[in-house]
Amino acid sequence: MGSCEYKLASDCKSDVTMFEVKAENRIKPDTLVATVMSVTVIVGSMVVVLQESGAVTVNDVSVTLPMFVPGVLKIRAAGTFTIVEAEIEIMVQYDHQSYVSIRVSENYFENMCGLCGNFNNQPQDDFTGAFGTVVRMFTCFHNRSGALYGCKIWIV
């Protein structure tokens, strides 16, 4: 079975995109359970890739944690999670299996898009597509019980 890539969150309603978080999903053939193969966090010109294996790359270079880029971001391990915190007030957590959590500042209110929603306090329009239509069906990003998993937006 193939993999699917999803835009989980982005400040795509801004004139200049400050960040984007994407996940690549796959179905494990032996269990038919979806897992997140990798999470990509793009902050400005920096591209951070968190792999299911635990490997972390920044701009295609393997890094050892913790890693700090002053004034831009820091990446660290905490238990089973890898955490990316950016100075632009976003935080991404990934458990290297199926859980991704994205926290953004209230400064992004009504300026978000992606599978995690548009952050306007109106959940009924969170899955509005690029052409303004609300998408009502997902196949690749649901678990066996049909529940959407691994995606949250929090105010920090």
N, C-alpha and C. Protein backbone atom coordinates (compact mmCIF):
# COMPACT_ATOMS: atom_id res chain seq x y z
N MET A 1 0.84 -1.18 0.00
CA MET A 1 0.00 0.00 0.00
C MET A 1 0.88 1.24 0.00
N GLY A 2 0.45 2.26 -0.68
CA GLY A 2 1.24 3.48 -0.82
C GLY A 2 1.12 4.41 0.35
N SER A 3 1.81 5.51 0.23
CA SER A 3 1.76 6.52 1.28
C SER A 3 1.04 7.76 0.76
N CYS A 4 0.61 8.59 1.70
CA CYS A 4 -0.08 9.84 1.37
C CYS A 4 0.60 10.95 2.14
N GLU A 5 0.73 12.13 1.51
CA GLU A 5 1.27 13.28 2.21
C GLU A 5 0.16 14.29 2.43
N TYR A 6 0.12 14.85 3.63
CA TYR A 6 -0.93 15.79 4.01
C TYR A 6 -0.35 17.07 4.55
N LYS A 7 -0.98 18.19 4.22
CA LYS A 7 -0.66 19.45 4.88
C LYS A 7 -1.50 19.48 6.15
N LEU A 8 -0.84 19.41 7.30
CA LEU A 8 -1.57 19.44 8.57
C LEU A 8 -1.92 20.87 8.95
N ALA A 9 -0.95 21.77 8.84
CA ALA A 9 -1.19 23.15 9.26
C ALA A 9 -0.23 24.08 8.54
N SER A 10 -0.73 25.29 8.26
CA SER A 10 0.08 26.33 7.65
C SER A 10 -0.61 27.66 7.90
N ASP A 11 0.17 28.71 7.89
CA ASP A 11 -0.41 30.05 7.98
C ASP A 11 -0.65 30.55 6.55
N CYS A 12 -1.34 29.75 5.78
CA CYS A 12 -1.47 29.98 4.34
C CYS A 12 -2.37 31.16 3.97
N LYS A 13 -3.00 31.79 4.92
CA LYS A 13 -3.82 32.96 4.58
C LYS A 13 -3.04 34.25 4.74
N SER A 14 -1.77 34.14 5.08
CA SER A 14 -0.90 35.30 5.20
C SER A 14 -0.31 35.64 3.84
N ASP A 15 0.17 36.86 3.69
CA ASP A 15 0.83 37.26 2.44
C ASP A 15 2.09 36.43 2.20
N VAL A 16 2.84 36.18 3.27
CA VAL A 16 4.06 35.37 3.19
C VAL A 16 3.90 34.22 4.18
N THR A 17 4.03 32.99 3.69
CA THR A 17 3.88 31.83 4.56
C THR A 17 5.08 31.74 5.50
N MET A 18 4.79 31.74 6.80
CA MET A 18 5.85 31.67 7.82
C MET A 18 6.22 30.22 8.13
N PHE A 19 5.20 29.31 8.07
CA PHE A 19 5.47 27.92 8.40
C PHE A 19 4.48 27.00 7.71
N GLU A 20 4.88 25.73 7.65
CA GLU A 20 4.01 24.68 7.15
C GLU A 20 4.41 23.39 7.85
N VAL A 21 3.41 22.58 8.21
CA VAL A 21 3.66 21.27 8.81
C VAL A 21 2.96 20.24 7.95
N LYS A 22 3.74 19.25 7.47
CA LYS A 22 3.21 18.19 6.63
C LYS A 22 3.51 16.85 7.27
N ALA A 23 2.67 15.86 6.97
CA ALA A 23 2.91 14.50 7.45
C ALA A 23 2.78 13.54 6.28
N GLU A 24 3.63 12.53 6.29
CA GLU A 24 3.51 11.46 5.31
C GLU A 24 3.02 10.22 6.05
N ASN A 25 1.88 9.72 5.60
CA ASN A 25 1.19 8.61 6.23
C ASN A 25 1.39 7.35 5.40
N ARG A 26 1.37 6.21 6.04
CA ARG A 26 1.38 4.94 5.30
C ARG A 26 0.61 3.90 6.10
N ILE A 27 0.15 2.90 5.41
CA ILE A 27 -0.53 1.77 6.04
C ILE A 27 0.47 0.65 6.19
N LYS A 28 0.63 0.13 7.41
CA LYS A 28 1.51 -1.02 7.60
C LYS A 28 0.81 -2.25 7.04
N PRO A 29 1.41 -2.92 6.06
CA PRO A 29 0.74 -4.03 5.38
C PRO A 29 0.34 -5.18 6.30
N ASP A 30 1.14 -5.47 7.32
CA ASP A 30 0.84 -6.60 8.19
C ASP A 30 -0.30 -6.33 9.16
N THR A 31 -0.60 -5.06 9.44
CA THR A 31 -1.64 -4.75 10.42
C THR A 31 -2.78 -3.91 9.86
N LEU A 32 -2.58 -3.30 8.68
CA LEU A 32 -3.54 -2.38 8.09
C LEU A 32 -3.83 -1.18 8.98
N VAL A 33 -2.85 -0.83 9.82
CA VAL A 33 -2.95 0.33 10.70
C VAL A 33 -2.13 1.46 10.10
N ALA A 34 -2.70 2.65 10.09
CA ALA A 34 -1.99 3.82 9.56
C ALA A 34 -0.95 4.32 10.56
N THR A 35 0.22 4.67 10.05
CA THR A 35 1.25 5.30 10.86
C THR A 35 1.76 6.53 10.12
N VAL A 36 2.36 7.42 10.87
CA VAL A 36 2.96 8.61 10.28
C VAL A 36 4.44 8.30 10.05
N MET A 37 4.84 8.21 8.78
CA MET A 37 6.23 7.90 8.44
C MET A 37 7.17 9.05 8.75
N SER A 38 6.70 10.27 8.49
CA SER A 38 7.55 11.43 8.74
C SER A 38 6.69 12.67 8.91
N VAL A 39 7.26 13.63 9.61
CA VAL A 39 6.64 14.94 9.78
C VAL A 39 7.67 15.96 9.30
N THR A 40 7.24 16.86 8.42
CA THR A 40 8.11 17.91 7.91
C THR A 40 7.61 19.25 8.45
N VAL A 41 8.51 19.98 9.08
CA VAL A 41 8.20 21.31 9.62
C VAL A 41 9.05 22.31 8.85
N ILE A 42 8.39 23.20 8.13
CA ILE A 42 9.10 24.22 7.37
C ILE A 42 8.89 25.56 8.07
N VAL A 43 9.98 26.17 8.48
CA VAL A 43 9.94 27.48 9.12
C VAL A 43 10.88 28.38 8.33
N GLY A 44 10.31 29.31 7.59
CA GLY A 44 11.14 30.15 6.72
C GLY A 44 11.86 29.27 5.71
N SER A 45 13.18 29.36 5.68
CA SER A 45 13.96 28.55 4.75
C SER A 45 14.47 27.25 5.37
N MET A 46 14.13 27.00 6.63
CA MET A 46 14.59 25.78 7.31
C MET A 46 13.56 24.67 7.13
N VAL A 47 14.05 23.50 6.75
CA VAL A 47 13.19 22.33 6.57
C VAL A 47 13.65 21.26 7.55
N VAL A 48 12.80 20.97 8.54
CA VAL A 48 13.08 19.97 9.56
C VAL A 48 12.24 18.74 9.25
N VAL A 49 12.90 17.58 9.15
CA VAL A 49 12.17 16.33 8.89
C VAL A 49 12.39 15.40 10.07
N LEU A 50 11.28 14.98 10.67
CA LEU A 50 11.28 14.03 11.78
C LEU A 50 10.84 12.69 11.21
N GLN A 51 11.69 11.67 11.28
CA GLN A 51 11.40 10.36 10.70
C GLN A 51 10.84 9.40 11.73
N GLU A 52 10.06 8.44 11.27
CA GLU A 52 9.51 7.40 12.12
C GLU A 52 10.62 6.68 12.88
N SER A 53 11.79 6.55 12.28
CA SER A 53 12.92 5.87 12.90
C SER A 53 13.53 6.66 14.06
N GLY A 54 13.17 7.93 14.18
CA GLY A 54 13.75 8.80 15.20
C GLY A 54 14.80 9.74 14.64
N ALA A 55 15.21 9.51 13.40
CA ALA A 55 16.20 10.38 12.77
C ALA A 55 15.60 11.76 12.53
N VAL A 56 16.46 12.78 12.63
CA VAL A 56 16.05 14.17 12.40
C VAL A 56 17.04 14.79 11.43
N THR A 57 16.50 15.47 10.40
CA THR A 57 17.36 16.22 9.49
C THR A 57 16.90 17.67 9.44
N VAL A 58 17.86 18.55 9.24
CA VAL A 58 17.58 19.97 9.03
C VAL A 58 18.26 20.36 7.73
N ASN A 59 17.45 20.80 6.76
CA ASN A 59 17.96 21.13 5.43
C ASN A 59 18.82 19.99 4.86
N ASP A 60 18.29 18.76 4.99
CA ASP A 60 18.91 17.54 4.45
C ASP A 60 20.20 17.11 5.15
N VAL A 61 20.49 17.66 6.33
CA VAL A 61 21.67 17.27 7.10
C VAL A 61 21.20 16.62 8.40
N SER A 62 21.70 15.41 8.70
CA SER A 62 21.35 14.73 9.95
C SER A 62 21.86 15.53 11.14
N VAL A 63 21.03 15.63 12.17
CA VAL A 63 21.42 16.39 13.37
C VAL A 63 21.24 15.53 14.61
N THR A 64 21.98 15.88 15.65
CA THR A 64 21.86 15.25 16.95
C THR A 64 21.11 16.21 17.86
N LEU A 65 20.20 15.66 18.67
CA LEU A 65 19.39 16.49 19.57
C LEU A 65 20.04 16.60 20.93
N PRO A 66 19.83 17.71 21.62
CA PRO A 66 19.06 18.88 21.22
C PRO A 66 19.83 19.71 20.20
N MET A 67 19.07 20.48 19.43
CA MET A 67 19.66 21.35 18.42
C MET A 67 19.01 22.72 18.53
N PHE A 68 19.81 23.77 18.48
CA PHE A 68 19.31 25.13 18.60
C PHE A 68 19.81 25.99 17.44
N VAL A 69 18.91 26.74 16.86
CA VAL A 69 19.28 27.77 15.89
C VAL A 69 18.79 29.07 16.52
N PRO A 70 19.69 29.84 17.13
CA PRO A 70 19.27 31.04 17.87
C PRO A 70 18.37 31.95 17.05
N GLY A 71 17.26 32.35 17.68
CA GLY A 71 16.32 33.25 17.05
C GLY A 71 15.40 32.61 16.02
N VAL A 72 15.57 31.28 15.79
CA VAL A 72 14.74 30.61 14.78
C VAL A 72 13.96 29.45 15.39
N LEU A 73 14.69 28.41 15.86
CA LEU A 73 14.00 27.24 16.42
C LEU A 73 14.91 26.42 17.28
N LYS A 74 14.28 25.51 18.03
CA LYS A 74 15.02 24.50 18.78
C LYS A 74 14.30 23.18 18.60
N ILE A 75 15.07 22.10 18.60
CA ILE A 75 14.55 20.75 18.44
C ILE A 75 15.10 19.94 19.59
N ARG A 76 14.22 19.19 20.26
CA ARG A 76 14.67 18.39 21.40
C ARG A 76 13.84 17.13 21.52
N ALA A 77 14.37 16.18 22.25
CA ALA A 77 13.63 14.95 22.56
C ALA A 77 13.06 15.10 23.95
N ALA A 78 11.85 14.56 24.14
CA ALA A 78 11.20 14.54 25.46
C ALA A 78 10.41 13.24 25.56
N GLY A 79 10.96 12.27 26.27
CA GLY A 79 10.32 10.95 26.33
C GLY A 79 10.31 10.32 24.95
N THR A 80 9.14 9.90 24.48
CA THR A 80 9.03 9.30 23.15
C THR A 80 8.81 10.33 22.06
N PHE A 81 8.74 11.60 22.41
CA PHE A 81 8.45 12.65 21.45
C PHE A 81 9.70 13.39 20.99
N THR A 82 9.64 13.88 19.77
CA THR A 82 10.56 14.90 19.30
C THR A 82 9.75 16.18 19.18
N ILE A 83 10.29 17.27 19.69
CA ILE A 83 9.57 18.55 19.74
C ILE A 83 10.35 19.60 18.97
N VAL A 84 9.64 20.29 18.08
CA VAL A 84 10.20 21.42 17.35
C VAL A 84 9.48 22.66 17.83
N GLU A 85 10.23 23.62 18.37
CA GLU A 85 9.66 24.89 18.82
C GLU A 85 10.30 26.01 18.02
N ALA A 86 9.45 26.81 17.38
CA ALA A 86 9.96 27.92 16.57
C ALA A 86 9.66 29.24 17.25
N GLU A 87 10.53 30.20 17.05
CA GLU A 87 10.35 31.53 17.63
C GLU A 87 9.10 32.23 17.11
N ILE A 88 8.55 31.76 15.98
CA ILE A 88 7.34 32.37 15.43
C ILE A 88 6.09 31.83 16.12
N GLU A 89 6.27 31.23 17.30
CA GLU A 89 5.20 30.79 18.19
C GLU A 89 4.41 29.59 17.66
N ILE A 90 5.15 28.57 17.21
CA ILE A 90 4.54 27.28 16.90
C ILE A 90 5.35 26.20 17.59
N MET A 91 4.68 25.10 17.92
CA MET A 91 5.35 23.94 18.49
C MET A 91 4.74 22.69 17.87
N VAL A 92 5.59 21.77 17.43
CA VAL A 92 5.15 20.52 16.83
C VAL A 92 5.74 19.38 17.65
N GLN A 93 4.89 18.42 18.04
CA GLN A 93 5.33 17.22 18.75
C GLN A 93 4.99 16.01 17.90
N TYR A 94 5.91 15.04 17.85
CA TYR A 94 5.71 13.82 17.06
C TYR A 94 6.22 12.64 17.88
N ASP A 95 5.41 11.58 17.98
CA ASP A 95 5.79 10.41 18.78
C ASP A 95 6.47 9.32 17.95
N HIS A 96 6.75 9.58 16.68
CA HIS A 96 7.42 8.66 15.76
C HIS A 96 6.57 7.44 15.45
N GLN A 97 5.26 7.57 15.63
CA GLN A 97 4.32 6.50 15.26
C GLN A 97 3.11 7.09 14.55
N SER A 98 2.17 7.61 15.33
CA SER A 98 0.93 8.09 14.71
C SER A 98 0.39 9.39 15.31
N TYR A 99 1.10 9.97 16.25
CA TYR A 99 0.58 11.15 16.93
C TYR A 99 1.39 12.39 16.56
N VAL A 100 0.70 13.42 16.10
CA VAL A 100 1.30 14.71 15.82
C VAL A 100 0.45 15.76 16.50
N SER A 101 1.08 16.65 17.24
CA SER A 101 0.38 17.74 17.90
C SER A 101 1.02 19.04 17.44
N ILE A 102 0.17 20.00 17.08
CA ILE A 102 0.65 21.30 16.62
C ILE A 102 0.03 22.37 17.50
N ARG A 103 0.87 23.19 18.09
CA ARG A 103 0.39 24.30 18.92
C ARG A 103 0.81 25.60 18.26
N VAL A 104 -0.13 26.52 18.17
CA VAL A 104 0.18 27.82 17.58
C VAL A 104 -0.31 28.92 18.50
N SER A 105 0.28 30.07 18.34
CA SER A 105 -0.11 31.26 19.10
C SER A 105 -1.47 31.75 18.62
N GLU A 106 -2.17 32.45 19.49
CA GLU A 106 -3.44 33.05 19.08
C GLU A 106 -3.24 34.10 17.99
N ASN A 107 -2.00 34.49 17.74
CA ASN A 107 -1.71 35.41 16.64
C ASN A 107 -2.08 34.83 15.27
N TYR A 108 -2.23 33.51 15.20
CA TYR A 108 -2.59 32.85 13.94
C TYR A 108 -4.10 32.67 13.78
N PHE A 109 -4.89 33.20 14.70
CA PHE A 109 -6.34 33.08 14.64
C PHE A 109 -6.84 33.55 13.28
N GLU A 110 -7.66 32.74 12.64
CA GLU A 110 -8.25 32.98 11.32
C GLU A 110 -7.23 33.07 10.19
N ASN A 111 -6.02 32.59 10.41
CA ASN A 111 -4.98 32.62 9.38
C ASN A 111 -4.39 31.25 9.08
N MET A 112 -5.11 30.20 9.42
CA MET A 112 -4.59 28.84 9.27
C MET A 112 -5.35 28.07 8.19
N CYS A 113 -4.68 27.04 7.67
CA CYS A 113 -5.35 26.07 6.81
C CYS A 113 -4.64 24.73 6.96
N GLY A 114 -5.25 23.68 6.44
CA GLY A 114 -4.69 22.34 6.54
C GLY A 114 -5.66 21.42 7.25
N LEU A 115 -5.29 20.15 7.37
CA LEU A 115 -6.17 19.16 8.00
C LEU A 115 -6.48 19.47 9.46
N CYS A 116 -5.63 20.23 10.12
CA CYS A 116 -5.90 20.57 11.51
C CYS A 116 -6.92 21.69 11.65
N GLY A 117 -7.37 22.24 10.54
CA GLY A 117 -8.42 23.24 10.59
C GLY A 117 -7.92 24.64 10.30
N ASN A 118 -8.87 25.57 10.29
CA ASN A 118 -8.54 26.95 9.93
C ASN A 118 -8.46 27.89 11.13
N PHE A 119 -8.67 27.37 12.35
CA PHE A 119 -8.46 28.12 13.58
C PHE A 119 -9.30 29.40 13.61
N ASN A 120 -10.62 29.23 13.37
CA ASN A 120 -11.52 30.38 13.44
C ASN A 120 -12.67 30.15 14.44
N ASN A 121 -12.55 29.12 15.27
CA ASN A 121 -13.55 28.76 16.27
C ASN A 121 -14.88 28.33 15.66
N GLN A 122 -14.87 27.91 14.40
CA GLN A 122 -16.06 27.39 13.73
C GLN A 122 -15.71 26.02 13.14
N PRO A 123 -15.77 24.96 13.96
CA PRO A 123 -15.31 23.64 13.51
C PRO A 123 -16.03 23.10 12.27
N GLN A 124 -17.23 23.57 11.99
CA GLN A 124 -17.97 23.06 10.84
C GLN A 124 -17.30 23.40 9.51
N ASP A 125 -16.41 24.39 9.47
CA ASP A 125 -15.75 24.72 8.21
C ASP A 125 -14.25 24.43 8.22
N ASP A 126 -13.80 23.61 9.17
CA ASP A 126 -12.38 23.30 9.28
C ASP A 126 -11.82 22.60 8.05
N PHE A 127 -12.62 21.83 7.35
CA PHE A 127 -12.13 21.08 6.20
C PHE A 127 -12.55 21.73 4.89
N THR A 128 -12.42 23.05 4.82
CA THR A 128 -12.73 23.77 3.60
C THR A 128 -11.55 23.63 2.64
N GLY A 129 -11.85 23.18 1.42
CA GLY A 129 -10.82 22.97 0.42
C GLY A 129 -10.36 24.26 -0.23
N ALA A 130 -9.40 24.12 -1.13
CA ALA A 130 -8.79 25.28 -1.79
C ALA A 130 -9.80 26.10 -2.58
N PHE A 131 -10.89 25.48 -3.04
CA PHE A 131 -11.87 26.20 -3.86
C PHE A 131 -13.10 26.61 -3.06
N GLY A 132 -12.99 26.55 -1.71
CA GLY A 132 -14.06 27.04 -0.86
C GLY A 132 -15.14 26.03 -0.53
N THR A 133 -15.01 24.79 -0.99
CA THR A 133 -16.01 23.77 -0.67
C THR A 133 -15.56 23.00 0.56
N VAL A 134 -16.53 22.61 1.41
CA VAL A 134 -16.22 21.85 2.62
C VAL A 134 -16.13 20.38 2.26
N VAL A 135 -14.98 19.77 2.56
CA VAL A 135 -14.74 18.36 2.30
C VAL A 135 -15.35 17.57 3.44
N ARG A 136 -16.14 16.56 3.13
CA ARG A 136 -16.83 15.81 4.17
C ARG A 136 -16.33 14.37 4.33
N MET A 137 -15.41 13.92 3.47
CA MET A 137 -14.99 12.53 3.55
C MET A 137 -13.47 12.44 3.46
N PHE A 138 -12.89 11.66 4.37
CA PHE A 138 -11.46 11.39 4.34
C PHE A 138 -11.29 9.89 4.39
N THR A 139 -10.35 9.37 3.65
CA THR A 139 -10.13 7.93 3.67
C THR A 139 -8.77 7.56 4.22
N CYS A 140 -7.76 8.32 3.88
CA CYS A 140 -6.39 7.94 4.19
C CYS A 140 -5.95 8.35 5.59
N PHE A 141 -6.60 9.29 6.22
CA PHE A 141 -6.10 9.82 7.48
C PHE A 141 -6.96 9.42 8.67
N HIS A 142 -7.85 8.45 8.50
CA HIS A 142 -8.68 7.96 9.59
C HIS A 142 -8.14 6.63 10.08
N ASN A 143 -8.39 6.34 11.36
CA ASN A 143 -8.02 5.03 11.85
C ASN A 143 -9.16 4.05 11.56
N ARG A 144 -9.03 2.82 12.00
CA ARG A 144 -10.02 1.78 11.66
C ARG A 144 -11.42 2.11 12.13
N SER A 145 -11.56 2.81 13.25
CA SER A 145 -12.90 3.13 13.75
C SER A 145 -13.50 4.34 13.06
N GLY A 146 -12.74 4.97 12.16
CA GLY A 146 -13.25 6.12 11.43
C GLY A 146 -12.95 7.45 12.08
N ALA A 147 -12.25 7.44 13.20
CA ALA A 147 -11.96 8.69 13.90
C ALA A 147 -10.70 9.33 13.35
N LEU A 148 -10.73 10.63 13.18
CA LEU A 148 -9.54 11.36 12.78
C LEU A 148 -8.59 11.38 13.97
N TYR A 149 -7.33 11.12 13.72
CA TYR A 149 -6.40 11.05 14.84
C TYR A 149 -5.14 11.86 14.56
N GLY A 150 -4.41 12.14 15.62
CA GLY A 150 -3.08 12.68 15.50
C GLY A 150 -2.98 14.11 15.04
N CYS A 151 -4.01 14.90 15.22
CA CYS A 151 -3.93 16.28 14.73
C CYS A 151 -4.70 17.19 15.68
N LYS A 152 -4.01 18.10 16.29
CA LYS A 152 -4.65 19.04 17.19
C LYS A 152 -4.02 20.40 16.99
N ILE A 153 -4.80 21.43 17.15
CA ILE A 153 -4.23 22.79 17.21
C ILE A 153 -4.58 23.37 18.57
N TRP A 154 -3.59 23.88 19.22
CA TRP A 154 -3.75 24.46 20.55
C TRP A 154 -3.34 25.92 20.50
N ILE A 155 -3.92 26.71 21.38
CA ILE A 155 -3.46 28.09 21.58
C ILE A 155 -2.40 28.06 22.66
N VAL A 156 -1.28 28.71 22.42
CA VAL A 156 -0.23 28.80 23.44
C VAL A 156 -0.11 30.22 23.94
